[in-house]
Amino acid sequence: MDEKISGKILYPSNFIEVLGSKIHYIEAGSGDPILFLHGIPTSCYLWRNVIPYLTSLGRCIAPDLVGFGRSDKPDILYTVYDHIEYIEALIKALDLKKMTIVMHGWGSIIGFDYAMRHEENCKGLVFYEAFLRSLNEDISLPFQEQLISLQNVENVSDIVMNGSAFIDKIMPQNVMRQLTEEEMQNYREPFMGKGTGKPILQYLKELSNGTGKSQIDKLIANYSKKLTLSSLPKLMLYSVPGFITTIATVMWAKENIPNLEIVDIGEELHLAQESNPRLLGEAISVWLQGIEQFKA
């Protein structure tokens, strides 16, 4: 296990009101913003051991998506469009300019969509286990198997009423090491109350509609096309066997996305942030320093 892995967040909590709800985030460092967007069902907690490698290079900000972590859980549908709206409002509220956006999983849909509509406000894009192409084009075998098992859940309302059980089921499948009880409890905690699993269920609904014709597929296809024309510096991190990112996607990205650096971070599943944060942090740090030098 990486000696720099800690179960504790070293940074104080912050809250800001966005669209009538309090959004929780952690912050460290100064300079141009580095915005970390987590996937589902995690939170800013996922980035706790990656951020220390980047605090000397910018103002690191890691929010909890609405409905996740310590952010409020308003009575909304929690579609990906809701998440996009809240994150865009957060960026405005914190007055973030010249951002580097670091994205993972579902957070990549939010980040890519924002970046391709606001390229002028972005300095670079970093992504790991991201949704680069339409869901029906390229889904890995482990991802397919997990989707099938989730779709076979007899009573999906159980996820809404008991989201912590979903955490217990899904998190161990996504990490190369065994998470400690402290770490598992941090991921469970937002979903301990009845009904708090609603954002997870909505994510599963949108994910399982990956037919190529759903709204989520159209959203991905739209920004995917724009990425092939974007001159923004980009860093793609990938692992084998991975979970979302297949070798076919890596090859597609290499052939189609300009100004892209690709780094293989070795044998990982979906959450390398938990099993090898040092490798992620150092790779992002080296790349970020490189694009700064190039600009200079």
C-alpha atoms as a PDB file:
ATOM      1  CA  MET A   1       0.000   0.000   0.000  1.00  0.00           C
ATOM      2  CA  ASP A   2       1.147   3.548  -0.747  1.00  0.00           C
ATOM      3  CA  GLU A   3       2.772   5.001   2.367  1.00  0.00           C
ATOM      4  CA  LYS A   4       1.058   8.327   1.707  1.00  0.00           C
ATOM      5  CA  ILE A   5      -2.459   6.899   1.962  1.00  0.00           C
ATOM      6  CA  SER A   6      -4.404   8.402   4.845  1.00  0.00           C
ATOM      7  CA  GLY A   7      -7.999   7.888   5.871  1.00  0.00           C
ATOM      8  CA  LYS A   8      -8.282  11.475   7.063  1.00  0.00           C
ATOM      9  CA  ILE A   9      -8.886  14.686   5.090  1.00  0.00           C
ATOM     10  CA  LEU A  10      -6.201  17.196   6.032  1.00  0.00           C
ATOM     11  CA  TYR A  11      -8.143  20.216   4.792  1.00  0.00           C
ATOM     12  CA  PRO A  12     -10.975  22.128   6.504  1.00  0.00           C
ATOM     13  CA  SER A  13     -14.523  21.958   5.199  1.00  0.00           C
ATOM     14  CA  ASN A  14     -16.070  24.913   3.377  1.00  0.00           C
ATOM     15  CA  PHE A  15     -19.682  25.519   2.377  1.00  0.00           C
ATOM     16  CA  ILE A  16     -21.158  27.874  -0.201  1.00  0.00           C
ATOM     17  CA  GLU A  17     -24.794  28.389  -1.136  1.00  0.00           C
ATOM     18  CA  VAL A  18     -25.518  27.455  -4.739  1.00  0.00           C
ATOM     19  CA  LEU A  19     -29.020  27.436  -6.253  1.00  0.00           C
ATOM     20  CA  GLY A  20     -30.540  27.395  -2.780  1.00  0.00           C
ATOM     21  CA  SER A  21     -28.426  24.497  -1.472  1.00  0.00           C
ATOM     22  CA  LYS A  22     -25.171  24.369   0.478  1.00  0.00           C
ATOM     23  CA  ILE A  23     -22.357  22.774  -1.462  1.00  0.00           C
ATOM     24  CA  HIS A  24     -19.460  21.383   0.549  1.00  0.00           C
ATOM     25  CA  TYR A  25     -15.873  21.601  -0.686  1.00  0.00           C
ATOM     26  CA  ILE A  26     -12.303  21.349   0.532  1.00  0.00           C
ATOM     27  CA  GLU A  27      -9.640  23.792  -0.572  1.00  0.00           C
ATOM     28  CA  ALA A  28      -5.850  24.068  -0.339  1.00  0.00           C
ATOM     29  CA  GLY A  29      -3.053  25.964  -2.077  1.00  0.00           C
ATOM     30  CA  SER A  30      -3.132  29.163  -4.096  1.00  0.00           C
ATOM     31  CA  GLY A  31      -2.883  30.282  -7.704  1.00  0.00           C
ATOM     32  CA  ASP A  32      -4.932  29.294 -10.726  1.00  0.00           C
ATOM     33  CA  PRO A  33      -7.738  26.912  -9.706  1.00  0.00           C
ATOM     34  CA  ILE A  34      -7.473  23.130 -10.000  1.00  0.00           C
ATOM     35  CA  LEU A  35     -11.037  21.797  -9.772  1.00  0.00           C
ATOM     36  CA  PHE A  36     -11.485  18.131  -8.810  1.00  0.00           C
ATOM     37  CA  LEU A  37     -14.749  16.460  -9.869  1.00  0.00           C
ATOM     38  CA  HIS A  38     -15.545  13.089  -8.313  1.00  0.00           C
ATOM     39  CA  GLY A  39     -17.728  10.345  -9.754  1.00  0.00           C
ATOM     40  CA  ILE A  40     -20.544   8.314  -8.202  1.00  0.00           C
ATOM     41  CA  PRO A  41     -20.988   7.195  -5.441  1.00  0.00           C
ATOM     42  CA  THR A  42     -17.887   8.907  -4.028  1.00  0.00           C
ATOM     43  CA  SER A  43     -17.228  12.471  -2.820  1.00  0.00           C
ATOM     44  CA  CYS A  44     -14.386  14.953  -2.437  1.00  0.00           C
ATOM     45  CA  TYR A  45     -12.994  12.413   0.060  1.00  0.00           C
ATOM     46  CA  LEU A  46     -11.741  10.474  -2.982  1.00  0.00           C
ATOM     47  CA  TRP A  47      -9.178  13.219  -3.741  1.00  0.00           C
ATOM     48  CA  ARG A  48      -7.801  13.618  -0.193  1.00  0.00           C
ATOM     49  CA  ASN A  49      -4.479  11.895  -0.935  1.00  0.00           C
ATOM     50  CA  VAL A  50      -4.012  13.300  -4.467  1.00  0.00           C
ATOM     51  CA  ILE A  51      -4.401  16.988  -3.584  1.00  0.00           C
ATOM     52  CA  PRO A  52      -1.183  17.216  -1.484  1.00  0.00           C
ATOM     53  CA  TYR A  53       0.895  16.688  -4.653  1.00  0.00           C
ATOM     54  CA  LEU A  54      -0.707  19.713  -6.323  1.00  0.00           C
ATOM     55  CA  THR A  55      -1.135  22.398  -3.649  1.00  0.00           C
ATOM     56  CA  SER A  56       2.120  24.087  -4.683  1.00  0.00           C
ATOM     57  CA  LEU A  57       0.825  24.403  -8.258  1.00  0.00           C
ATOM     58  CA  GLY A  58      -2.603  25.984  -7.776  1.00  0.00           C
ATOM     59  CA  ARG A  59      -5.709  26.548  -5.705  1.00  0.00           C
ATOM     60  CA  CYS A  60      -7.046  23.013  -5.310  1.00  0.00           C
ATOM     61  CA  ILE A  61     -10.827  22.860  -4.874  1.00  0.00           C
ATOM     62  CA  ALA A  62     -12.706  19.584  -4.503  1.00  0.00           C
ATOM     63  CA  PRO A  63     -16.496  19.889  -4.109  1.00  0.00           C
ATOM     64  CA  ASP A  64     -19.051  17.260  -3.215  1.00  0.00           C
ATOM     65  CA  LEU A  65     -21.649  16.999  -5.970  1.00  0.00           C
ATOM     66  CA  VAL A  66     -25.124  17.982  -4.809  1.00  0.00           C
ATOM     67  CA  GLY A  67     -26.645  15.001  -2.983  1.00  0.00           C
ATOM     68  CA  PHE A  68     -23.208  13.516  -2.249  1.00  0.00           C
ATOM     69  CA  GLY A  69     -20.674  13.834   0.534  1.00  0.00           C
ATOM     70  CA  ARG A  70     -21.550  16.681   2.891  1.00  0.00           C
ATOM     71  CA  SER A  71     -23.407  18.751   0.300  1.00  0.00           C
ATOM     72  CA  ASP A  72     -27.143  19.316   0.739  1.00  0.00           C
ATOM     73  CA  LYS A  73     -29.651  16.801  -0.581  1.00  0.00           C
ATOM     74  CA  PRO A  74     -32.469  18.917  -2.061  1.00  0.00           C
ATOM     75  CA  ASP A  75     -35.645  17.424  -3.507  1.00  0.00           C
ATOM     76  CA  ILE A  76     -34.497  17.281  -7.150  1.00  0.00           C
ATOM     77  CA  LEU A  77     -34.175  14.470  -9.702  1.00  0.00           C
ATOM     78  CA  TYR A  78     -30.337  14.400  -9.619  1.00  0.00           C
ATOM     79  CA  THR A  79     -29.989  14.000 -13.360  1.00  0.00           C
ATOM     80  CA  VAL A  80     -26.580  14.648 -14.863  1.00  0.00           C
ATOM     81  CA  TYR A  81     -28.016  17.982 -16.031  1.00  0.00           C
ATOM     82  CA  ASP A  82     -28.750  18.900 -12.406  1.00  0.00           C
ATOM     83  CA  HIS A  83     -25.124  18.166 -11.517  1.00  0.00           C
ATOM     84  CA  ILE A  84     -23.935  20.232 -14.474  1.00  0.00           C
ATOM     85  CA  GLU A  85     -26.109  23.156 -13.382  1.00  0.00           C
ATOM     86  CA  TYR A  86     -24.892  23.064  -9.774  1.00  0.00           C
ATOM     87  CA  ILE A  87     -21.200  22.772 -10.685  1.00  0.00           C
ATOM     88  CA  GLU A  88     -21.467  25.609 -13.200  1.00  0.00           C
ATOM     89  CA  ALA A  89     -23.147  27.755 -10.514  1.00  0.00           C
ATOM     90  CA  LEU A  90     -20.381  26.769  -8.061  1.00  0.00           C
ATOM     91  CA  ILE A  91     -17.688  27.850 -10.538  1.00  0.00           C
ATOM     92  CA  LYS A  92     -19.414  31.237 -10.870  1.00  0.00           C
ATOM     93  CA  ALA A  93     -19.933  31.598  -7.125  1.00  0.00           C
ATOM     94  CA  LEU A  94     -16.249  30.910  -6.387  1.00  0.00           C
ATOM     95  CA  ASP A  95     -15.228  33.066  -9.391  1.00  0.00           C
ATOM     96  CA  LEU A  96     -12.927  30.376 -10.798  1.00  0.00           C
ATOM     97  CA  LYS A  97     -10.899  31.459 -13.834  1.00  0.00           C
ATOM     98  CA  LYS A  98      -8.217  29.696 -15.902  1.00  0.00           C
ATOM     99  CA  MET A  99      -9.080  26.329 -14.386  1.00  0.00           C
ATOM    100  CA  THR A 100      -7.462  22.969 -14.726  1.00  0.00           C
ATOM    101  CA  ILE A 101     -10.288  20.443 -14.324  1.00  0.00           C
ATOM    102  CA  VAL A 102      -9.387  17.016 -12.917  1.00  0.00           C
ATOM    103  CA  MET A 103     -12.184  14.514 -13.588  1.00  0.00           C
ATOM    104  CA  HIS A 104     -13.173  10.986 -12.674  1.00  0.00           C
ATOM    105  CA  GLY A 105     -16.107   8.791 -13.703  1.00  0.00           C
ATOM    106  CA  TRP A 106     -19.466  10.612 -13.836  1.00  0.00           C
ATOM    107  CA  GLY A 107     -17.595  13.791 -12.911  1.00  0.00           C
ATOM    108  CA  SER A 108     -15.976  13.660 -16.353  1.00  0.00           C
ATOM    109  CA  ILE A 109     -19.353  14.150 -18.055  1.00  0.00           C
ATOM    110  CA  ILE A 110     -19.903  17.262 -15.946  1.00  0.00           C
ATOM    111  CA  GLY A 111     -16.366  18.537 -16.519  1.00  0.00           C
ATOM    112  CA  PHE A 112     -16.106  17.814 -20.245  1.00  0.00           C
ATOM    113  CA  ASP A 113     -19.488  19.389 -20.923  1.00  0.00           C
ATOM    114  CA  TYR A 114     -18.505  22.533 -19.016  1.00  0.00           C
ATOM    115  CA  ALA A 115     -15.064  22.748 -20.620  1.00  0.00           C
ATOM    116  CA  MET A 116     -16.360  22.383 -24.166  1.00  0.00           C
ATOM    117  CA  ARG A 117     -18.865  25.194 -23.560  1.00  0.00           C
ATOM    118  CA  HIS A 118     -16.341  27.397 -21.727  1.00  0.00           C
ATOM    119  CA  GLU A 119     -12.933  26.663 -23.237  1.00  0.00           C
ATOM    120  CA  GLU A 120     -11.878  30.254 -22.607  1.00  0.00           C
ATOM    121  CA  ASN A 121     -12.154  29.630 -18.855  1.00  0.00           C
ATOM    122  CA  CYS A 122     -10.044  26.450 -18.869  1.00  0.00           C
ATOM    123  CA  LYS A 123      -6.295  25.967 -18.834  1.00  0.00           C
ATOM    124  CA  GLY A 124      -6.211  22.191 -19.135  1.00  0.00           C
ATOM    125  CA  LEU A 125      -8.130  18.934 -18.650  1.00  0.00           C
ATOM    126  CA  VAL A 126      -7.062  15.855 -16.688  1.00  0.00           C
ATOM    127  CA  PHE A 127      -9.176  12.719 -16.781  1.00  0.00           C
ATOM    128  CA  TYR A 128      -9.075   9.178 -15.435  1.00  0.00           C
ATOM    129  CA  GLU A 129     -11.730   6.501 -15.985  1.00  0.00           C
ATOM    130  CA  ALA A 130     -13.677   9.082 -17.961  1.00  0.00           C
ATOM    131  CA  PHE A 131     -16.640   8.912 -20.326  1.00  0.00           C
ATOM    132  CA  LEU A 132     -14.933   9.939 -23.556  1.00  0.00           C
ATOM    133  CA  ARG A 133     -17.270   8.200 -25.975  1.00  0.00           C
ATOM    134  CA  SER A 134     -20.916   7.175 -26.095  1.00  0.00           C
ATOM    135  CA  LEU A 135     -21.782   4.410 -23.613  1.00  0.00           C
ATOM    136  CA  ASN A 136     -22.862   1.988 -26.342  1.00  0.00           C
ATOM    137  CA  GLU A 137     -19.569   2.312 -28.233  1.00  0.00           C
ATOM    138  CA  ASP A 138     -17.182   0.949 -25.690  1.00  0.00           C
ATOM    139  CA  ILE A 139     -18.061  -0.660 -22.356  1.00  0.00           C
ATOM    140  CA  SER A 140     -15.551  -2.915 -20.630  1.00  0.00           C
ATOM    141  CA  LEU A 141     -16.478  -6.426 -19.522  1.00  0.00           C
ATOM    142  CA  PRO A 142     -16.186  -5.664 -15.765  1.00  0.00           C
ATOM    143  CA  PHE A 143     -18.399  -2.604 -16.251  1.00  0.00           C
ATOM    144  CA  GLN A 144     -20.968  -4.652 -18.206  1.00  0.00           C
ATOM    145  CA  GLU A 145     -21.017  -7.314 -15.486  1.00  0.00           C
ATOM    146  CA  GLN A 146     -21.533  -4.749 -12.748  1.00  0.00           C
ATOM    147  CA  LEU A 147     -24.346  -3.060 -14.685  1.00  0.00           C
ATOM    148  CA  ILE A 148     -26.113  -6.399 -15.198  1.00  0.00           C
ATOM    149  CA  SER A 149     -25.848  -7.246 -11.490  1.00  0.00           C
ATOM    150  CA  LEU A 150     -27.206  -3.821 -10.524  1.00  0.00           C
ATOM    151  CA  GLN A 151     -30.054  -4.030 -13.018  1.00  0.00           C
ATOM    152  CA  ASN A 152     -31.006  -7.360 -11.465  1.00  0.00           C
ATOM    153  CA  VAL A 153     -31.507  -5.821  -8.030  1.00  0.00           C
ATOM    154  CA  GLU A 154     -34.994  -7.034  -7.106  1.00  0.00           C
ATOM    155  CA  ASN A 155     -36.132  -3.859  -5.404  1.00  0.00           C
ATOM    156  CA  VAL A 156     -34.397  -0.721  -6.648  1.00  0.00           C
ATOM    157  CA  SER A 157     -36.165   1.291  -3.950  1.00  0.00           C
ATOM    158  CA  ASP A 158     -33.771  -0.419  -1.535  1.00  0.00           C
ATOM    159  CA  ILE A 159     -30.992   1.701  -3.028  1.00  0.00           C
ATOM    160  CA  VAL A 160     -32.974   4.866  -2.329  1.00  0.00           C
ATOM    161  CA  MET A 161     -33.777   3.847   1.238  1.00  0.00           C
ATOM    162  CA  ASN A 162     -30.442   2.227   2.040  1.00  0.00           C
ATOM    163  CA  GLY A 163     -27.672   3.749  -0.038  1.00  0.00           C
ATOM    164  CA  SER A 164     -25.009   2.654   2.449  1.00  0.00           C
ATOM    165  CA  ALA A 165     -25.635  -0.997   1.479  1.00  0.00           C
ATOM    166  CA  PHE A 166     -24.882  -0.002  -2.125  1.00  0.00           C
ATOM    167  CA  ILE A 167     -21.566   1.474  -0.923  1.00  0.00           C
ATOM    168  CA  ASP A 168     -20.717  -1.780   0.866  1.00  0.00           C
ATOM    169  CA  LYS A 169     -21.429  -3.719  -2.332  1.00  0.00           C
ATOM    170  CA  ILE A 170     -19.782  -1.473  -4.914  1.00  0.00           C
ATOM    171  CA  MET A 171     -16.689   0.070  -3.325  1.00  0.00           C
ATOM    172  CA  PRO A 172     -14.734  -3.170  -2.721  1.00  0.00           C
ATOM    173  CA  GLN A 173     -15.271  -4.117  -6.396  1.00  0.00           C
ATOM    174  CA  ASN A 174     -13.565  -0.914  -7.565  1.00  0.00           C
ATOM    175  CA  VAL A 175     -10.357  -0.754  -5.509  1.00  0.00           C
ATOM    176  CA  MET A 176      -7.165  -2.808  -5.692  1.00  0.00           C
ATOM    177  CA  ARG A 177      -6.739  -2.790  -1.912  1.00  0.00           C
ATOM    178  CA  GLN A 178      -9.071  -3.360   1.020  1.00  0.00           C
ATOM    179  CA  LEU A 179     -10.393  -0.060   2.319  1.00  0.00           C
ATOM    180  CA  THR A 180     -10.170   0.479   6.064  1.00  0.00           C
ATOM    181  CA  GLU A 181     -13.308   0.730   8.195  1.00  0.00           C
ATOM    182  CA  GLU A 182     -12.625   4.468   8.591  1.00  0.00           C
ATOM    183  CA  GLU A 183     -12.525   4.896   4.810  1.00  0.00           C
ATOM    184  CA  MET A 184     -15.637   2.801   4.219  1.00  0.00           C
ATOM    185  CA  GLN A 185     -17.504   4.770   6.881  1.00  0.00           C
ATOM    186  CA  ASN A 186     -16.601   8.044   5.143  1.00  0.00           C
ATOM    187  CA  TYR A 187     -18.160   6.735   1.932  1.00  0.00           C
ATOM    188  CA  ARG A 188     -21.203   5.264   3.726  1.00  0.00           C
ATOM    189  CA  GLU A 189     -21.999   8.273   5.867  1.00  0.00           C
ATOM    190  CA  PRO A 190     -23.799  10.445   3.254  1.00  0.00           C
ATOM    191  CA  PHE A 191     -26.234   7.601   2.589  1.00  0.00           C
ATOM    192  CA  MET A 192     -27.083   6.494   6.123  1.00  0.00           C
ATOM    193  CA  GLY A 193     -30.402   8.366   6.216  1.00  0.00           C
ATOM    194  CA  LYS A 194     -33.550   6.970   4.631  1.00  0.00           C
ATOM    195  CA  GLY A 195     -34.099   8.196   1.084  1.00  0.00           C
ATOM    196  CA  THR A 196     -30.552   9.522   0.662  1.00  0.00           C
ATOM    197  CA  GLY A 197     -29.745   6.975  -2.051  1.00  0.00           C
ATOM    198  CA  LYS A 198     -31.917   8.827  -4.599  1.00  0.00           C
ATOM    199  CA  PRO A 199     -28.901  10.398  -6.415  1.00  0.00           C
ATOM    200  CA  ILE A 200     -27.324   6.931  -6.783  1.00  0.00           C
ATOM    201  CA  LEU A 201     -30.500   5.440  -8.243  1.00  0.00           C
ATOM    202  CA  GLN A 202     -30.819   8.263 -10.789  1.00  0.00           C
ATOM    203  CA  TYR A 203     -27.219   7.660 -11.873  1.00  0.00           C
ATOM    204  CA  LEU A 204     -27.948   3.954 -12.392  1.00  0.00           C
ATOM    205  CA  LYS A 205     -31.034   4.784 -14.457  1.00  0.00           C
ATOM    206  CA  GLU A 206     -29.079   7.113 -16.731  1.00  0.00           C
ATOM    207  CA  LEU A 207     -26.179   4.697 -17.012  1.00  0.00           C
ATOM    208  CA  SER A 208     -28.335   1.736 -18.003  1.00  0.00           C
ATOM    209  CA  ASN A 209     -29.876   3.745 -20.844  1.00  0.00           C
ATOM    210  CA  GLY A 210     -26.639   3.673 -22.826  1.00  0.00           C
ATOM    211  CA  THR A 211     -28.315   2.772 -26.115  1.00  0.00           C
ATOM    212  CA  GLY A 212     -26.705   5.494 -28.178  1.00  0.00           C
ATOM    213  CA  LYS A 213     -30.015   7.349 -28.358  1.00  0.00           C
ATOM    214  CA  SER A 214     -30.531   8.495 -24.766  1.00  0.00           C
ATOM    215  CA  GLN A 215     -30.025  12.061 -23.549  1.00  0.00           C
ATOM    216  CA  ILE A 216     -26.828  11.046 -21.765  1.00  0.00           C
ATOM    217  CA  ASP A 217     -25.416   9.504 -24.950  1.00  0.00           C
ATOM    218  CA  LYS A 218     -26.249  12.650 -26.920  1.00  0.00           C
ATOM    219  CA  LEU A 219     -24.551  14.771 -24.284  1.00  0.00           C
ATOM    220  CA  ILE A 220     -21.394  12.632 -24.422  1.00  0.00           C
ATOM    221  CA  ALA A 221     -21.411  12.532 -28.235  1.00  0.00           C
ATOM    222  CA  ASN A 222     -21.670  16.329 -28.330  1.00  0.00           C
ATOM    223  CA  TYR A 223     -18.661  17.050 -26.139  1.00  0.00           C
ATOM    224  CA  SER A 224     -16.723  14.094 -27.556  1.00  0.00           C
ATOM    225  CA  LYS A 225     -16.870  15.682 -31.011  1.00  0.00           C
ATOM    226  CA  LYS A 226     -15.772  19.033 -29.601  1.00  0.00           C
ATOM    227  CA  LEU A 227     -12.848  17.398 -27.777  1.00  0.00           C
ATOM    228  CA  THR A 228     -11.487  16.191 -31.132  1.00  0.00           C
ATOM    229  CA  LEU A 229     -11.271  19.851 -32.180  1.00  0.00           C
ATOM    230  CA  SER A 230     -10.080  21.357 -28.895  1.00  0.00           C
ATOM    231  CA  SER A 231      -6.558  22.712 -28.527  1.00  0.00           C
ATOM    232  CA  LEU A 232      -6.680  22.689 -24.707  1.00  0.00           C
ATOM    233  CA  PRO A 233      -3.811  20.701 -23.142  1.00  0.00           C
ATOM    234  CA  LYS A 234      -5.116  17.339 -21.928  1.00  0.00           C
ATOM    235  CA  LEU A 235      -3.797  14.527 -19.749  1.00  0.00           C
ATOM    236  CA  MET A 236      -5.393  11.087 -19.962  1.00  0.00           C
ATOM    237  CA  LEU A 237      -4.559   8.655 -17.172  1.00  0.00           C
ATOM    238  CA  TYR A 238      -5.494   5.033 -17.690  1.00  0.00           C
ATOM    239  CA  SER A 239      -5.000   1.693 -15.999  1.00  0.00           C
ATOM    240  CA  VAL A 240      -5.342  -1.971 -16.837  1.00  0.00           C
ATOM    241  CA  PRO A 241      -7.739  -3.692 -16.443  1.00  0.00           C
ATOM    242  CA  GLY A 242      -9.485  -0.425 -15.630  1.00  0.00           C
ATOM    243  CA  PHE A 243     -13.233  -0.285 -15.477  1.00  0.00           C
ATOM    244  CA  ILE A 244     -14.641   2.374 -17.776  1.00  0.00           C
ATOM    245  CA  THR A 245     -11.605   3.022 -19.974  1.00  0.00           C
ATOM    246  CA  THR A 246     -10.694   0.195 -22.365  1.00  0.00           C
ATOM    247  CA  ILE A 247      -7.582  -0.052 -24.518  1.00  0.00           C
ATOM    248  CA  ALA A 248      -9.825   0.670 -27.512  1.00  0.00           C
ATOM    249  CA  THR A 249     -10.781   3.995 -25.925  1.00  0.00           C
ATOM    250  CA  VAL A 250      -7.120   4.798 -25.230  1.00  0.00           C
ATOM    251  CA  MET A 251      -6.272   4.145 -28.887  1.00  0.00           C
ATOM    252  CA  TRP A 252      -9.236   6.219 -30.060  1.00  0.00           C
ATOM    253  CA  ALA A 253      -8.138   9.110 -27.852  1.00  0.00           C
ATOM    254  CA  LYS A 254      -4.545   8.869 -29.094  1.00  0.00           C
ATOM    255  CA  GLU A 255      -5.712   9.047 -32.714  1.00  0.00           C
ATOM    256  CA  ASN A 256      -8.469  11.632 -32.355  1.00  0.00           C
ATOM    257  CA  ILE A 257      -7.839  14.051 -29.495  1.00  0.00           C
ATOM    258  CA  PRO A 258      -5.267  16.811 -30.087  1.00  0.00           C
ATOM    259  CA  ASN A 259      -2.742  18.115 -27.552  1.00  0.00           C
ATOM    260  CA  LEU A 260      -3.131  14.955 -25.474  1.00  0.00           C
ATOM    261  CA  GLU A 261      -0.610  13.265 -23.210  1.00  0.00           C
ATOM    262  CA  ILE A 262      -1.403   9.694 -22.137  1.00  0.00           C
ATOM    263  CA  VAL A 263       0.014   8.094 -18.982  1.00  0.00           C
ATOM    264  CA  ASP A 264      -0.366   4.420 -18.058  1.00  0.00           C
ATOM    265  CA  ILE A 265      -0.632   4.178 -14.266  1.00  0.00           C
ATOM    266  CA  GLY A 266      -0.399   0.391 -14.199  1.00  0.00           C
ATOM    267  CA  GLU A 267      -2.665  -2.254 -12.725  1.00  0.00           C
ATOM    268  CA  GLU A 268      -5.736  -0.590 -11.235  1.00  0.00           C
ATOM    269  CA  LEU A 269      -9.501  -0.929 -11.298  1.00  0.00           C
ATOM    270  CA  HIS A 270     -11.761   2.147 -11.066  1.00  0.00           C
ATOM    271  CA  LEU A 271     -10.432   3.966  -8.001  1.00  0.00           C
ATOM    272  CA  ALA A 272      -6.668   4.384  -8.315  1.00  0.00           C
ATOM    273  CA  GLN A 273      -7.075   7.464  -6.098  1.00  0.00           C
ATOM    274  CA  GLU A 274      -7.528   4.989  -3.241  1.00  0.00           C
ATOM    275  CA  SER A 275      -4.806   2.490  -4.098  1.00  0.00           C
ATOM    276  CA  ASN A 276      -2.097   4.665  -5.666  1.00  0.00           C
ATOM    277  CA  PRO A 277      -2.730   8.388  -5.083  1.00  0.00           C
ATOM    278  CA  ARG A 278       0.989   9.147  -5.282  1.00  0.00           C
ATOM    279  CA  LEU A 279       1.201   7.956  -8.881  1.00  0.00           C
ATOM    280  CA  LEU A 280      -1.821  10.044  -9.898  1.00  0.00           C
ATOM    281  CA  GLY A 281      -0.636  13.098  -7.998  1.00  0.00           C
ATOM    282  CA  GLU A 282       2.869  12.963  -9.395  1.00  0.00           C
ATOM    283  CA  ALA A 283       1.691  12.374 -12.982  1.00  0.00           C
ATOM    284  CA  ILE A 284      -0.658  15.374 -12.807  1.00  0.00           C
ATOM    285  CA  SER A 285       2.044  17.499 -11.161  1.00  0.00           C
ATOM    286  CA  VAL A 286       4.640  16.746 -13.844  1.00  0.00           C
ATOM    287  CA  TRP A 287       2.137  17.412 -16.633  1.00  0.00           C
ATOM    288  CA  LEU A 288       0.894  20.650 -15.073  1.00  0.00           C
ATOM    289  CA  GLN A 289       4.429  21.963 -14.638  1.00  0.00           C
ATOM    290  CA  GLY A 290       5.103  21.026 -18.256  1.00  0.00           C
ATOM    291  CA  ILE A 291       2.213  23.021 -19.669  1.00  0.00           C
ATOM    292  CA  GLU A 292       3.171  26.000 -17.488  1.00  0.00           C
ATOM    293  CA  GLN A 293       6.730  25.914 -18.845  1.00  0.00           C
ATOM    294  CA  PHE A 294       5.433  25.589 -22.388  1.00  0.00           C
ATOM    295  CA  LYS A 295       3.258  28.667 -21.918  1.00  0.00           C
ATOM    296  CA  ALA A 296       6.193  30.604 -20.451  1.00  0.00           C
END
